[in-house]
PDB file of all heavy atoms in Angstrom:
ATOM      1  N   PRO A   1     -14.426  81.827  14.479  1.00  0.00           N
ATOM      2  CA  PRO A   1     -14.093  80.926  15.587  1.00  0.00           C
ATOM      3  C   PRO A   1     -15.108  80.938  16.736  1.00  0.00           C
ATOM      4  O   PRO A   1     -15.329  79.916  17.365  1.00  0.00           O
ATOM      5  CB  PRO A   1     -12.734  81.413  16.078  1.00  0.00           C
ATOM      6  CG  PRO A   1     -12.279  82.468  15.160  1.00  0.00           C
ATOM      7  CD  PRO A   1     -13.387  82.807  14.235  1.00  0.00           C
ATOM      8  N   LYS A   2     -15.738  82.066  16.985  1.00  0.00           N
ATOM      9  CA  LYS A   2     -16.705  82.146  18.087  1.00  0.00           C
ATOM     10  C   LYS A   2     -17.894  81.216  17.874  1.00  0.00           C
ATOM     11  O   LYS A   2     -18.482  80.723  18.827  1.00  0.00           O
ATOM     12  CB  LYS A   2     -17.198  83.577  18.270  1.00  0.00           C
ATOM     13  CG  LYS A   2     -16.183  84.489  18.903  1.00  0.00           C
ATOM     14  CD  LYS A   2     -16.782  85.857  19.127  1.00  0.00           C
ATOM     15  CE  LYS A   2     -15.757  86.789  19.736  1.00  0.00           C
ATOM     16  NZ  LYS A   2     -16.312  88.133  19.949  1.00  0.00           N
ATOM     17  N   SER A   3     -18.243  80.986  16.626  1.00  0.00           N
ATOM     18  CA  SER A   3     -19.417  80.158  16.342  1.00  0.00           C
ATOM     19  C   SER A   3     -19.181  78.673  16.627  1.00  0.00           C
ATOM     20  O   SER A   3     -20.132  77.912  16.736  1.00  0.00           O
ATOM     21  CB  SER A   3     -19.866  80.340  14.887  1.00  0.00           C
ATOM     22  OG  SER A   3     -18.921  79.770  14.012  1.00  0.00           O
ATOM     23  N   VAL A   4     -17.931  78.252  16.727  1.00  0.00           N
ATOM     24  CA  VAL A   4     -17.656  76.830  16.957  1.00  0.00           C
ATOM     25  C   VAL A   4     -17.176  76.541  18.380  1.00  0.00           C
ATOM     26  O   VAL A   4     -16.930  75.390  18.713  1.00  0.00           O
ATOM     27  CB  VAL A   4     -16.631  76.270  15.944  1.00  0.00           C
ATOM     28  CG1 VAL A   4     -17.187  76.324  14.545  1.00  0.00           C
ATOM     29  CG2 VAL A   4     -15.307  76.974  16.043  1.00  0.00           C
ATOM     30  N   PHE A   5     -17.058  77.575  19.192  1.00  0.00           N
ATOM     31  CA  PHE A   5     -16.609  77.345  20.567  1.00  0.00           C
ATOM     32  C   PHE A   5     -17.758  76.847  21.433  1.00  0.00           C
ATOM     33  O   PHE A   5     -18.577  77.618  21.924  1.00  0.00           O
ATOM     34  CB  PHE A   5     -16.012  78.609  21.184  1.00  0.00           C
ATOM     35  CG  PHE A   5     -14.530  78.665  21.074  1.00  0.00           C
ATOM     36  CD1 PHE A   5     -13.878  79.868  20.927  1.00  0.00           C
ATOM     37  CD2 PHE A   5     -13.764  77.516  21.108  1.00  0.00           C
ATOM     38  CE1 PHE A   5     -12.501  79.932  20.825  1.00  0.00           C
ATOM     39  CE2 PHE A   5     -12.390  77.556  21.002  1.00  0.00           C
ATOM     40  CZ  PHE A   5     -11.760  78.766  20.856  1.00  0.00           C
ATOM     41  N   HIS A   6     -17.819  75.560  21.559  1.00  0.00           N
ATOM     42  CA  HIS A   6     -18.801  74.882  22.409  1.00  0.00           C
ATOM     43  C   HIS A   6     -18.113  73.610  22.896  1.00  0.00           C
ATOM     44  O   HIS A   6     -17.365  72.983  22.150  1.00  0.00           O
ATOM     45  CB  HIS A   6     -20.056  74.547  21.602  1.00  0.00           C
ATOM     46  CG  HIS A   6     -21.160  74.007  22.445  1.00  0.00           C
ATOM     47  ND1 HIS A   6     -21.213  72.688  22.832  1.00  0.00           N
ATOM     48  CD2 HIS A   6     -22.236  74.621  22.994  1.00  0.00           C
ATOM     49  CE1 HIS A   6     -22.282  72.510  23.584  1.00  0.00           C
ATOM     50  NE2 HIS A   6     -22.917  73.663  23.697  1.00  0.00           N
ATOM     51  N   PRO A   7     -18.359  73.216  24.157  1.00  0.00           N
ATOM     52  CA  PRO A   7     -17.676  72.018  24.669  1.00  0.00           C
ATOM     53  C   PRO A   7     -17.858  70.775  23.807  1.00  0.00           C
ATOM     54  O   PRO A   7     -16.938  69.969  23.692  1.00  0.00           O
ATOM     55  CB  PRO A   7     -18.305  71.819  26.048  1.00  0.00           C
ATOM     56  CG  PRO A   7     -18.786  73.164  26.452  1.00  0.00           C
ATOM     57  CD  PRO A   7     -19.164  73.867  25.183  1.00  0.00           C
ATOM     58  N   PHE A   8     -19.019  70.616  23.171  1.00  0.00           N
ATOM     59  CA  PHE A   8     -19.251  69.416  22.367  1.00  0.00           C
ATOM     60  C   PHE A   8     -18.625  69.505  20.981  1.00  0.00           C
ATOM     61  O   PHE A   8     -18.711  68.559  20.210  1.00  0.00           O
ATOM     62  CB  PHE A   8     -20.738  69.097  22.266  1.00  0.00           C
ATOM     63  CG  PHE A   8     -21.283  68.502  23.536  1.00  0.00           C
ATOM     64  CD1 PHE A   8     -22.248  69.158  24.264  1.00  0.00           C
ATOM     65  CD2 PHE A   8     -20.792  67.300  24.020  1.00  0.00           C
ATOM     66  CE1 PHE A   8     -22.737  68.616  25.441  1.00  0.00           C
ATOM     67  CE2 PHE A   8     -21.274  66.750  25.196  1.00  0.00           C
ATOM     68  CZ  PHE A   8     -22.243  67.417  25.906  1.00  0.00           C
ATOM     69  N   THR A   9     -18.018  70.629  20.658  1.00  0.00           N
ATOM     70  CA  THR A   9     -17.236  70.707  19.425  1.00  0.00           C
ATOM     71  C   THR A   9     -15.746  70.758  19.721  1.00  0.00           C
ATOM     72  O   THR A   9     -14.948  70.118  19.041  1.00  0.00           O
ATOM     73  CB  THR A   9     -17.626  71.936  18.582  1.00  0.00           C
ATOM     74  OG1 THR A   9     -17.442  73.119  19.350  1.00  0.00           O
ATOM     75  CG2 THR A   9     -19.047  71.837  18.094  1.00  0.00           C
ATOM     76  N   VAL A  10     -15.383  71.499  20.753  1.00  0.00           N
ATOM     77  CA  VAL A  10     -13.967  71.684  21.068  1.00  0.00           C
ATOM     78  C   VAL A  10     -13.351  70.429  21.693  1.00  0.00           C
ATOM     79  O   VAL A  10     -12.259  70.013  21.310  1.00  0.00           O
ATOM     80  CB  VAL A  10     -13.776  72.911  21.995  1.00  0.00           C
ATOM     81  CG1 VAL A  10     -12.342  73.035  22.454  1.00  0.00           C
ATOM     82  CG2 VAL A  10     -14.215  74.179  21.287  1.00  0.00           C
ATOM     83  N   LEU A  11     -14.043  69.813  22.658  1.00  0.00           N
ATOM     84  CA  LEU A  11     -13.477  68.639  23.345  1.00  0.00           C
ATOM     85  C   LEU A  11     -13.217  67.453  22.402  1.00  0.00           C
ATOM     86  O   LEU A  11     -12.136  66.870  22.439  1.00  0.00           O
ATOM     87  CB  LEU A  11     -14.354  68.227  24.522  1.00  0.00           C
ATOM     88  CG  LEU A  11     -14.290  69.153  25.732  1.00  0.00           C
ATOM     89  CD1 LEU A  11     -15.305  68.729  26.788  1.00  0.00           C
ATOM     90  CD2 LEU A  11     -12.898  69.188  26.321  1.00  0.00           C
ATOM     91  N   PRO A  12     -14.171  67.069  21.557  1.00  0.00           N
ATOM     92  CA  PRO A  12     -13.870  65.966  20.630  1.00  0.00           C
ATOM     93  C   PRO A  12     -12.738  66.296  19.657  1.00  0.00           C
ATOM     94  O   PRO A  12     -11.899  65.444  19.365  1.00  0.00           O
ATOM     95  CB  PRO A  12     -15.188  65.743  19.884  1.00  0.00           C
ATOM     96  CG  PRO A  12     -16.229  66.261  20.799  1.00  0.00           C
ATOM     97  CD  PRO A  12     -15.594  67.423  21.496  1.00  0.00           C
ATOM     98  N   LEU A  13     -12.702  67.521  19.179  1.00  0.00           N
ATOM     99  CA  LEU A  13     -11.624  67.927  18.274  1.00  0.00           C
ATOM    100  C   LEU A  13     -10.279  67.871  18.997  1.00  0.00           C
ATOM    101  O   LEU A  13      -9.292  67.364  18.458  1.00  0.00           O
ATOM    102  CB  LEU A  13     -11.882  69.329  17.728  1.00  0.00           C
ATOM    103  CG  LEU A  13     -10.907  69.857  16.701  1.00  0.00           C
ATOM    104  CD1 LEU A  13     -10.869  68.948  15.481  1.00  0.00           C
ATOM    105  CD2 LEU A  13     -11.288  71.269  16.292  1.00  0.00           C
ATOM    106  N   PHE A  14     -10.247  68.336  20.233  1.00  0.00           N
ATOM    107  CA  PHE A  14      -9.040  68.265  21.048  1.00  0.00           C
ATOM    108  C   PHE A  14      -8.640  66.808  21.282  1.00  0.00           C
ATOM    109  O   PHE A  14      -7.465  66.455  21.220  1.00  0.00           O
ATOM    110  CB  PHE A  14      -9.264  68.989  22.387  1.00  0.00           C
ATOM    111  CG  PHE A  14      -8.061  69.059  23.257  1.00  0.00           C
ATOM    112  CD1 PHE A  14      -6.944  69.787  22.883  1.00  0.00           C
ATOM    113  CD2 PHE A  14      -8.039  68.383  24.465  1.00  0.00           C
ATOM    114  CE1 PHE A  14      -5.823  69.847  23.695  1.00  0.00           C
ATOM    115  CE2 PHE A  14      -6.928  68.429  25.283  1.00  0.00           C
ATOM    116  CZ  PHE A  14      -5.814  69.171  24.906  1.00  0.00           C
ATOM    117  N   GLY A  15      -9.622  65.948  21.524  1.00  0.00           N
ATOM    118  CA  GLY A  15      -9.356  64.519  21.706  1.00  0.00           C
ATOM    119  C   GLY A  15      -8.742  63.895  20.474  1.00  0.00           C
ATOM    120  O   GLY A  15      -7.806  63.091  20.559  1.00  0.00           O
ATOM    121  N   GLN A  16      -9.236  64.270  19.309  1.00  0.00           N
ATOM    122  CA  GLN A  16      -8.668  63.741  18.069  1.00  0.00           C
ATOM    123  C   GLN A  16      -7.239  64.237  17.854  1.00  0.00           C
ATOM    124  O   GLN A  16      -6.390  63.489  17.384  1.00  0.00           O
ATOM    125  CB  GLN A  16      -9.541  64.128  16.877  1.00  0.00           C
ATOM    126  CG  GLN A  16     -10.836  63.366  16.839  1.00  0.00           C
ATOM    127  CD  GLN A  16     -11.705  63.787  15.685  1.00  0.00           C
ATOM    128  OE1 GLN A  16     -11.657  64.926  15.228  1.00  0.00           O
ATOM    129  NE2 GLN A  16     -12.523  62.856  15.212  1.00  0.00           N
ATOM    130  N   ILE A  17      -6.987  65.476  18.224  1.00  0.00           N
ATOM    131  CA  ILE A  17      -5.628  66.009  18.101  1.00  0.00           C
ATOM    132  C   ILE A  17      -4.677  65.245  19.015  1.00  0.00           C
ATOM    133  O   ILE A  17      -3.568  64.883  18.614  1.00  0.00           O
ATOM    134  CB  ILE A  17      -5.603  67.524  18.399  1.00  0.00           C
ATOM    135  CG1 ILE A  17      -6.325  68.286  17.286  1.00  0.00           C
ATOM    136  CG2 ILE A  17      -4.180  68.035  18.578  1.00  0.00           C
ATOM    137  CD1 ILE A  17      -6.623  69.734  17.601  1.00  0.00           C
ATOM    138  N   LEU A  18      -5.114  64.976  20.244  1.00  0.00           N
ATOM    139  CA  LEU A  18      -4.273  64.208  21.172  1.00  0.00           C
ATOM    140  C   LEU A  18      -3.984  62.815  20.633  1.00  0.00           C
ATOM    141  O   LEU A  18      -2.849  62.330  20.702  1.00  0.00           O
ATOM    142  CB  LEU A  18      -4.936  64.116  22.547  1.00  0.00           C
ATOM    143  CG  LEU A  18      -5.016  65.408  23.347  1.00  0.00           C
ATOM    144  CD1 LEU A  18      -5.773  65.173  24.647  1.00  0.00           C
ATOM    145  CD2 LEU A  18      -3.639  65.969  23.622  1.00  0.00           C
ATOM    146  N   LEU A  19      -4.996  62.169  20.087  1.00  0.00           N
ATOM    147  CA  LEU A  19      -4.786  60.832  19.517  1.00  0.00           C
ATOM    148  C   LEU A  19      -3.880  60.893  18.295  1.00  0.00           C
ATOM    149  O   LEU A  19      -3.078  59.982  18.076  1.00  0.00           O
ATOM    150  CB  LEU A  19      -6.121  60.183  19.172  1.00  0.00           C
ATOM    151  CG  LEU A  19      -6.954  59.742  20.374  1.00  0.00           C
ATOM    152  CD1 LEU A  19      -8.341  59.290  19.932  1.00  0.00           C
ATOM    153  CD2 LEU A  19      -6.260  58.645  21.153  1.00  0.00           C
ATOM    154  N   ALA A  20      -3.984  61.956  17.513  1.00  0.00           N
ATOM    155  CA  ALA A  20      -3.100  62.111  16.357  1.00  0.00           C
ATOM    156  C   ALA A  20      -1.647  62.265  16.814  1.00  0.00           C
ATOM    157  O   ALA A  20      -0.730  61.745  16.170  1.00  0.00           O
ATOM    158  CB  ALA A  20      -3.525  63.309  15.517  1.00  0.00           C
ATOM    159  N   ILE A  21      -1.438  62.942  17.920  1.00  0.00           N
ATOM    160  CA  ILE A  21      -0.082  63.095  18.473  1.00  0.00           C
ATOM    161  C   ILE A  21       0.494  61.734  18.842  1.00  0.00           C
ATOM    162  O   ILE A  21       1.671  61.466  18.598  1.00  0.00           O
ATOM    163  CB  ILE A  21      -0.085  64.053  19.684  1.00  0.00           C
ATOM    164  CG1 ILE A  21      -0.372  65.485  19.215  1.00  0.00           C
ATOM    165  CG2 ILE A  21       1.242  63.991  20.438  1.00  0.00           C
ATOM    166  CD1 ILE A  21      -0.640  66.462  20.345  1.00  0.00           C
ATOM    167  N   THR A  22      -0.342  60.855  19.396  1.00  0.00           N
ATOM    168  CA  THR A  22       0.155  59.529  19.793  1.00  0.00           C
ATOM    169  C   THR A  22       0.626  58.705  18.597  1.00  0.00           C
ATOM    170  O   THR A  22       1.441  57.807  18.753  1.00  0.00           O
ATOM    171  CB  THR A  22      -0.903  58.710  20.571  1.00  0.00           C
ATOM    172  OG1 THR A  22      -1.995  58.391  19.713  1.00  0.00           O
ATOM    173  CG2 THR A  22      -1.387  59.445  21.805  1.00  0.00           C
ATOM    174  N   LEU A  23       0.118  59.034  17.411  1.00  0.00           N
ATOM    175  CA  LEU A  23       0.549  58.314  16.210  1.00  0.00           C
ATOM    176  C   LEU A  23       2.013  58.587  15.882  1.00  0.00           C
ATOM    177  O   LEU A  23       2.661  57.787  15.216  1.00  0.00           O
ATOM    178  CB  LEU A  23      -0.324  58.695  15.017  1.00  0.00           C
ATOM    179  CG  LEU A  23      -1.791  58.296  15.088  1.00  0.00           C
ATOM    180  CD1 LEU A  23      -2.543  58.860  13.895  1.00  0.00           C
ATOM    181  CD2 LEU A  23      -1.948  56.795  15.169  1.00  0.00           C
ATOM    182  N   PHE A  24       2.525  59.724  16.340  1.00  0.00           N
ATOM    183  CA  PHE A  24       3.896  60.111  16.027  1.00  0.00           C
ATOM    184  C   PHE A  24       4.870  59.849  17.175  1.00  0.00           C
ATOM    185  O   PHE A  24       6.046  60.156  17.063  1.00  0.00           O
ATOM    186  CB  PHE A  24       3.947  61.582  15.614  1.00  0.00           C
ATOM    187  CG  PHE A  24       3.138  61.853  14.388  1.00  0.00           C
ATOM    188  CD1 PHE A  24       1.894  62.458  14.481  1.00  0.00           C
ATOM    189  CD2 PHE A  24       3.591  61.464  13.141  1.00  0.00           C
ATOM    190  CE1 PHE A  24       1.132  62.692  13.346  1.00  0.00           C
ATOM    191  CE2 PHE A  24       2.838  61.685  12.002  1.00  0.00           C
ATOM    192  CZ  PHE A  24       1.606  62.309  12.104  1.00  0.00           C
ATOM    193  N   GLN A  25       4.362  59.309  18.269  1.00  0.00           N
ATOM    194  CA  GLN A  25       5.235  58.966  19.379  1.00  0.00           C
ATOM    195  C   GLN A  25       5.826  57.577  19.167  1.00  0.00           C
ATOM    196  O   GLN A  25       5.174  56.705  18.588  1.00  0.00           O
ATOM    197  CB  GLN A  25       4.461  58.974  20.706  1.00  0.00           C
ATOM    198  CG  GLN A  25       3.978  60.342  21.123  1.00  0.00           C
ATOM    199  CD  GLN A  25       3.204  60.266  22.423  1.00  0.00           C
ATOM    200  OE1 GLN A  25       2.401  59.364  22.633  1.00  0.00           O
ATOM    201  NE2 GLN A  25       3.461  61.224  23.301  1.00  0.00           N
ATOM    202  N   LYS A  26       7.043  57.389  19.664  1.00  0.00           N
ATOM    203  CA  LYS A  26       7.664  56.069  19.561  1.00  0.00           C
ATOM    204  C   LYS A  26       6.830  55.046  20.325  1.00  0.00           C
ATOM    205  O   LYS A  26       6.531  53.957  19.829  1.00  0.00           O
ATOM    206  CB  LYS A  26       9.090  56.121  20.104  1.00  0.00           C
ATOM    207  CG  LYS A  26       9.841  54.828  19.938  1.00  0.00           C
ATOM    208  CD  LYS A  26      11.271  54.954  20.392  1.00  0.00           C
ATOM    209  CE  LYS A  26      11.981  53.622  20.169  1.00  0.00           C
ATOM    210  NZ  LYS A  26      13.398  53.717  20.524  1.00  0.00           N
ATOM    211  N   GLU A  27       6.455  55.392  21.542  1.00  0.00           N
ATOM    212  CA  GLU A  27       5.575  54.571  22.375  1.00  0.00           C
ATOM    213  C   GLU A  27       4.377  55.455  22.743  1.00  0.00           C
ATOM    214  O   GLU A  27       4.522  56.387  23.528  1.00  0.00           O
ATOM    215  CB  GLU A  27       6.301  54.109  23.643  1.00  0.00           C
ATOM    216  CG  GLU A  27       5.448  53.349  24.642  1.00  0.00           C
ATOM    217  CD  GLU A  27       5.061  51.960  24.174  1.00  0.00           C
ATOM    218  OE1 GLU A  27       5.808  51.370  23.377  1.00  0.00           O
ATOM    219  OE2 GLU A  27       4.007  51.471  24.615  1.00  0.00           O
ATOM    220  N   PRO A  28       3.215  55.213  22.151  1.00  0.00           N
ATOM    221  CA  PRO A  28       2.051  56.061  22.435  1.00  0.00           C
ATOM    222  C   PRO A  28       1.768  56.162  23.930  1.00  0.00           C
ATOM    223  O   PRO A  28       1.690  55.160  24.635  1.00  0.00           O
ATOM    224  CB  PRO A  28       0.909  55.349  21.708  1.00  0.00           C
ATOM    225  CG  PRO A  28       1.584  54.614  20.604  1.00  0.00           C
ATOM    226  CD  PRO A  28       2.908  54.175  21.180  1.00  0.00           C
ATOM    227  N   GLY A  29       1.661  57.409  24.402  1.00  0.00           N
ATOM    228  CA  GLY A  29       1.467  57.663  25.828  1.00  0.00           C
ATOM    229  C   GLY A  29       0.088  57.276  26.317  1.00  0.00           C
ATOM    230  O   GLY A  29      -0.918  57.514  25.643  1.00  0.00           O
ATOM    231  N   LYS A  30       0.075  56.702  27.513  1.00  0.00           N
ATOM    232  CA  LYS A  30      -1.182  56.281  28.122  1.00  0.00           C
ATOM    233  C   LYS A  30      -2.060  57.491  28.433  1.00  0.00           C
ATOM    234  O   LYS A  30      -3.252  57.496  28.137  1.00  0.00           O
ATOM    235  CB  LYS A  30      -0.897  55.497  29.414  1.00  0.00           C
ATOM    236  CG  LYS A  30      -2.134  54.953  30.078  1.00  0.00           C
ATOM    237  CD  LYS A  30      -1.930  54.392  31.479  1.00  0.00           C
ATOM    238  CE  LYS A  30      -0.820  53.437  31.629  1.00  0.00           C
ATOM    239  NZ  LYS A  30      -0.799  52.794  32.967  1.00  0.00           N
ATOM    240  N   LYS A  31      -1.462  58.535  29.017  1.00  0.00           N
ATOM    241  CA  LYS A  31      -2.253  59.710  29.397  1.00  0.00           C
ATOM    242  C   LYS A  31      -2.855  60.401  28.179  1.00  0.00           C
ATOM    243  O   LYS A  31      -4.028  60.774  28.193  1.00  0.00           O
ATOM    244  CB  LYS A  31      -1.398  60.697  30.186  1.00  0.00           C
ATOM    245  CG  LYS A  31      -1.104  60.259  31.594  1.00  0.00           C
ATOM    246  CD  LYS A  31      -0.313  61.307  32.341  1.00  0.00           C
ATOM    247  CE  LYS A  31       0.011  60.821  33.730  1.00  0.00           C
ATOM    248  NZ  LYS A  31       0.787  61.812  34.486  1.00  0.00           N
ATOM    249  N   LEU A  32      -2.038  60.592  27.141  1.00  0.00           N
ATOM    250  CA  LEU A  32      -2.564  61.228  25.927  1.00  0.00           C
ATOM    251  C   LEU A  32      -3.698  60.411  25.324  1.00  0.00           C
ATOM    252  O   LEU A  32      -4.710  60.964  24.887  1.00  0.00           O
ATOM    253  CB  LEU A  32      -1.456  61.403  24.886  1.00  0.00           C
ATOM    254  CG  LEU A  32      -0.520  62.583  25.046  1.00  0.00           C
ATOM    255  CD1 LEU A  32       0.509  62.609  23.924  1.00  0.00           C
ATOM    256  CD2 LEU A  32      -1.276  63.886  25.097  1.00  0.00           C
ATOM    257  N   THR A  33      -3.518  59.102  25.297  1.00  0.00           N
ATOM    258  CA  THR A  33      -4.556  58.230  24.746  1.00  0.00           C
ATOM    259  C   THR A  33      -5.831  58.320  25.574  1.00  0.00           C
ATOM    260  O   THR A  33      -6.928  58.462  25.021  1.00  0.00           O
ATOM    261  CB  THR A  33      -4.069  56.768  24.683  1.00  0.00           C
ATOM    262  OG1 THR A  33      -2.882  56.714  23.888  1.00  0.00           O
ATOM    263  CG2 THR A  33      -5.121  55.861  24.085  1.00  0.00           C
ATOM    264  N   PHE A  34      -5.702  58.268  26.890  1.00  0.00           N
ATOM    265  CA  PHE A  34      -6.885  58.329  27.754  1.00  0.00           C
ATOM    266  C   PHE A  34      -7.591  59.680  27.653  1.00  0.00           C
ATOM    267  O   PHE A  34      -8.821  59.746  27.602  1.00  0.00           O
ATOM    268  CB  PHE A  34      -6.525  58.020  29.199  1.00  0.00           C
ATOM    269  CG  PHE A  34      -6.206  56.562  29.457  1.00  0.00           C
ATOM    270  CD1 PHE A  34      -5.721  56.166  30.680  1.00  0.00           C
ATOM    271  CD2 PHE A  34      -6.386  55.596  28.487  1.00  0.00           C
ATOM    272  CE1 PHE A  34      -5.423  54.836  30.940  1.00  0.00           C
ATOM    273  CE2 PHE A  34      -6.087  54.260  28.731  1.00  0.00           C
ATOM    274  CZ  PHE A  34      -5.609  53.886  29.962  1.00  0.00           C
ATOM    275  N   PHE A  35      -6.812  60.773  27.617  1.00  0.00           N
ATOM    276  CA  PHE A  35      -7.433  62.090  27.464  1.00  0.00           C
ATOM    277  C   PHE A  35      -8.085  62.230  26.090  1.00  0.00           C
ATOM    278  O   PHE A  35      -9.148  62.843  25.962  1.00  0.00           O
ATOM    279  CB  PHE A  35      -6.424  63.213  27.707  1.00  0.00           C
ATOM    280  CG  PHE A  35      -6.132  63.466  29.163  1.00  0.00           C
ATOM    281  CD1 PHE A  35      -4.841  63.379  29.638  1.00  0.00           C
ATOM    282  CD2 PHE A  35      -7.140  63.799  30.051  1.00  0.00           C
ATOM    283  CE1 PHE A  35      -4.560  63.608  30.978  1.00  0.00           C
ATOM    284  CE2 PHE A  35      -6.882  64.026  31.386  1.00  0.00           C
ATOM    285  CZ  PHE A  35      -5.581  63.933  31.857  1.00  0.00           C
ATOM    286  N   GLY A  36      -7.457  61.664  25.069  1.00  0.00           N
ATOM    287  CA  GLY A  36      -8.045  61.680  23.735  1.00  0.00           C
ATOM    288  C   GLY A  36      -9.356  60.910  23.685  1.00  0.00           C
ATOM    289  O   GLY A  36     -10.355  61.396  23.147  1.00  0.00           O
ATOM    290  N   ILE A  37      -9.349  59.724  24.274  1.00  0.00           N
ATOM    291  CA  ILE A  37     -10.575  58.922  24.334  1.00  0.00           C
ATOM    292  C   ILE A  37     -11.645  59.669  25.129  1.00  0.00           C
ATOM    293  O   ILE A  37     -12.815  59.689  24.743  1.00  0.00           O
ATOM    294  CB  ILE A  37     -10.297  57.536  24.956  1.00  0.00           C
ATOM    295  CG1 ILE A  37      -9.467  56.682  23.996  1.00  0.00           C
ATOM    296  CG2 ILE A  37     -11.602  56.820  25.310  1.00  0.00           C
ATOM    297  CD1 ILE A  37      -8.952  55.392  24.598  1.00  0.00           C
ATOM    298  N   GLY A  38     -11.238  60.290  26.218  1.00  0.00           N
ATOM    299  CA  GLY A  38     -12.189  61.046  27.040  1.00  0.00           C
ATOM    300  C   GLY A  38     -12.809  62.213  26.288  1.00  0.00           C
ATOM    301  O   GLY A  38     -14.021  62.440  26.364  1.00  0.00           O
TER     302      GLY A  38
END
């Protein structure tokens, strides 16, 4: 795990996870979507 901890690897992966969460929401959240896009 230490070898992949870098902002340019962790942030996009986190963004994709947030967007994946919005797929399971009844009404996709604006904040989650914006943070995911960010």
